[in-house]
Amino acid sequence: MTHYLIFLALIPIASFQLCRMFAPGRLWLWTGLTVGAVIAPVSQGLVEYTMIPLIGGMLGLMGAIFNMIHGSVGYFLLAACDIFQPGAVLDGSQLTMMNLVNGAIWTIYYGLVGYRIDVKAARKTSAKYVVVGAAKLKHGEEF
C-alpha cells in the first residue's frame, strides 16, 4: 500500500502549474511549500519500487537516499522528545506521526527556500527596468 505514496508527487506538480498561471510572483514559494509537505512520504514510497526490475532499482536507490535525508529528521526529533523508543520497530501510527512531523519541518524549510528564490527573481526583474540615463540628468533638465 505504501507504493501509492508516489502519487503525492502530483501535488507539487499541480501547484507549480497553477501558480505559473495564477500567481507567478509566488511560484517558488508555493512549490516549495508543497514539495516540503510531501517529500518524506514520497521518498518512503519510492523505496518500495526496488522490487521492479531495472528501473525500480534506481527509483528505490533514489528513494532510499531521499528517505535518509528527509525521514531521519522527524525520527530523531520524536526520539529526542521521548515519543519513540530508539531502535524499536515503528508501527503504522508512529510512521504517520513521523511523516507529519517531517512534513511540517520540510514545508517550512522548502517554503523559505522558495520564498528566497521568488525575492531574488523579483529583484532581478525590477533591476531590468531601472533607467540608467536618469542619474546623468542635471537639475532642471528633462529626460
Protein backbone atom coordinates (compact mmCIF):
# COMPACT_ATOMS: atom_id res chain seq x y z
CA MET A 1 0.00 0.00 0.00
CA THR A 2 2.89 2.37 0.64
CA HIS A 3 3.84 2.34 -3.04
CA TYR A 4 0.79 4.55 -3.65
CA LEU A 5 2.58 7.32 -1.76
CA ILE A 6 4.31 8.14 -5.05
CA PHE A 7 1.06 9.74 -6.23
CA LEU A 8 1.63 12.50 -3.68
CA ALA A 9 4.26 13.80 -6.11
CA LEU A 10 1.39 15.09 -8.26
CA ILE A 11 0.60 17.78 -5.67
CA PRO A 12 3.78 19.86 -6.22
CA ILE A 13 3.47 19.43 -9.98
CA ALA A 14 -0.12 20.72 -9.89
CA SER A 15 0.90 23.54 -7.57
CA PHE A 16 3.68 24.58 -9.94
CA GLN A 17 1.35 24.63 -12.93
CA LEU A 18 -1.42 26.53 -11.12
CA CYS A 19 0.95 29.11 -9.66
CA ARG A 20 2.59 29.62 -13.03
CA MET A 21 -0.83 30.62 -14.38
CA PHE A 22 -2.39 32.48 -11.45
CA ALA A 23 0.41 33.65 -9.12
CA PRO A 24 3.75 33.83 -10.95
CA GLY A 25 5.21 36.13 -8.29
CA ARG A 26 4.91 33.40 -5.66
CA LEU A 27 5.64 30.41 -7.89
CA TRP A 28 8.58 29.00 -5.95
CA LEU A 29 7.10 29.76 -2.54
CA TRP A 30 4.03 27.60 -3.16
CA THR A 31 6.01 24.95 -4.99
CA GLY A 32 8.47 24.78 -2.09
CA LEU A 33 5.66 24.51 0.44
CA THR A 34 4.04 21.63 -1.41
CA VAL A 35 7.34 19.83 -2.07
CA GLY A 36 8.22 20.07 1.60
CA ALA A 37 4.85 18.69 2.63
CA VAL A 38 5.17 15.53 0.53
CA ILE A 39 8.91 14.84 0.20
CA ALA A 40 9.19 12.43 3.15
CA PRO A 41 6.21 10.18 2.24
CA VAL A 42 7.15 10.21 -1.46
CA SER A 43 10.71 9.15 -0.68
CA GLN A 44 9.36 6.37 1.53
CA GLY A 45 7.08 5.28 -1.30
CA LEU A 46 9.98 5.24 -3.77
CA VAL A 47 11.83 2.71 -1.62
CA GLU A 48 9.06 0.19 -2.35
CA TYR A 49 9.89 0.26 -6.08
CA THR A 50 13.13 -1.71 -5.60
CA MET A 51 11.27 -4.91 -6.49
CA ILE A 52 10.66 -3.76 -10.08
CA PRO A 53 13.45 -4.95 -12.40
CA LEU A 54 15.85 -2.43 -14.00
CA ILE A 55 14.28 0.98 -13.40
CA GLY A 56 12.92 0.04 -9.99
CA GLY A 57 16.39 -0.35 -8.55
CA MET A 58 17.29 3.22 -9.48
CA LEU A 59 14.00 4.57 -8.14
CA GLY A 60 14.47 2.61 -4.93
CA LEU A 61 18.01 3.90 -4.53
CA MET A 62 16.83 7.46 -5.07
CA GLY A 63 14.06 6.92 -2.55
CA ALA A 64 16.47 5.44 -0.01
CA ILE A 65 18.82 8.43 -0.32
CA PHE A 66 15.97 10.94 -0.02
CA ASN A 67 14.47 8.97 2.86
CA MET A 68 17.77 9.03 4.77
CA ILE A 69 17.88 12.81 4.39
CA HIS A 70 14.22 13.70 4.87
CA GLY A 71 12.98 10.85 7.06
CA SER A 72 15.63 10.92 9.74
CA VAL A 73 14.90 14.46 10.95
CA GLY A 74 11.42 13.66 12.23
CA TYR A 75 12.53 10.33 13.66
CA PHE A 76 15.37 11.84 15.67
CA LEU A 77 13.19 14.74 16.82
CA LEU A 78 10.49 12.39 18.09
CA ALA A 79 13.09 10.09 19.66
CA ALA A 80 14.69 13.08 21.41
CA CYS A 81 11.26 14.08 22.76
CA ASP A 82 10.97 10.51 24.11
CA ILE A 83 7.93 9.70 21.98
CA PHE A 84 9.72 6.87 20.14
CA GLN A 85 11.94 4.24 21.68
CA PRO A 86 15.29 4.49 19.84
CA GLY A 87 16.00 1.28 17.94
CA ALA A 88 12.44 -0.09 18.18
CA VAL A 89 10.39 -1.09 15.15
CA LEU A 90 7.80 1.57 14.27
CA ASP A 91 4.19 0.67 13.58
CA GLY A 92 1.84 2.43 11.17
CA SER A 93 0.63 5.14 13.53
CA GLN A 94 4.19 6.02 14.51
CA LEU A 95 5.23 6.20 10.85
CA THR A 96 2.29 8.50 10.20
CA MET A 97 3.29 10.72 13.11
CA MET A 98 6.88 10.78 11.87
CA ASN A 99 5.80 11.75 8.35
CA LEU A 100 3.57 14.52 9.72
CA VAL A 101 6.48 15.95 11.71
CA ASN A 102 8.75 15.61 8.67
CA GLY A 103 6.12 17.36 6.57
CA ALA A 104 5.96 20.29 8.99
CA ILE A 105 9.75 20.64 9.16
CA TRP A 106 10.43 20.33 5.45
CA THR A 107 7.44 22.51 4.50
CA ILE A 108 8.95 25.37 6.46
CA TYR A 109 12.43 24.75 5.04
CA TYR A 110 11.46 24.40 1.38
CA GLY A 111 8.94 27.23 1.70
CA LEU A 112 11.69 29.57 2.90
CA VAL A 113 13.97 28.44 0.07
CA GLY A 114 11.18 29.08 -2.44
CA TYR A 115 10.47 32.49 -0.92
CA ARG A 116 14.14 33.46 -1.29
CA ILE A 117 14.09 32.37 -4.94
CA ASP A 118 10.97 34.49 -5.55
CA VAL A 119 12.55 37.52 -3.87
CA LYS A 120 15.72 37.15 -5.95
CA ALA A 121 13.71 36.76 -9.15
CA ALA A 122 11.66 39.86 -8.31
CA ARG A 123 14.85 41.87 -7.72
CA LYS A 124 16.31 40.69 -10.99
CA THR A 125 13.22 41.69 -13.00
CA SER A 126 12.86 45.05 -11.23
CA ALA A 127 16.54 45.84 -11.82
CA LYS A 128 15.99 45.24 -15.52
CA TYR A 129 13.72 48.30 -15.77
CA VAL A 130 16.00 50.80 -14.00
CA VAL A 131 16.65 53.87 -16.16
CA VAL A 132 20.41 54.24 -16.43
CA GLY A 133 20.42 57.70 -18.01
CA ALA A 134 18.40 59.24 -15.17
CA ALA A 135 21.48 59.61 -12.99
CA LYS A 136 23.20 61.82 -15.59
CA LEU A 137 20.50 64.50 -15.59
CA LYS A 138 21.20 67.88 -14.08
CA HIS A 139 18.75 69.95 -12.10
CA GLY A 140 16.02 71.34 -14.32
CA GLU A 141 16.69 69.09 -17.30
CA GLU A 142 14.08 66.79 -18.70
CA PHE A 143 14.66 63.26 -19.72
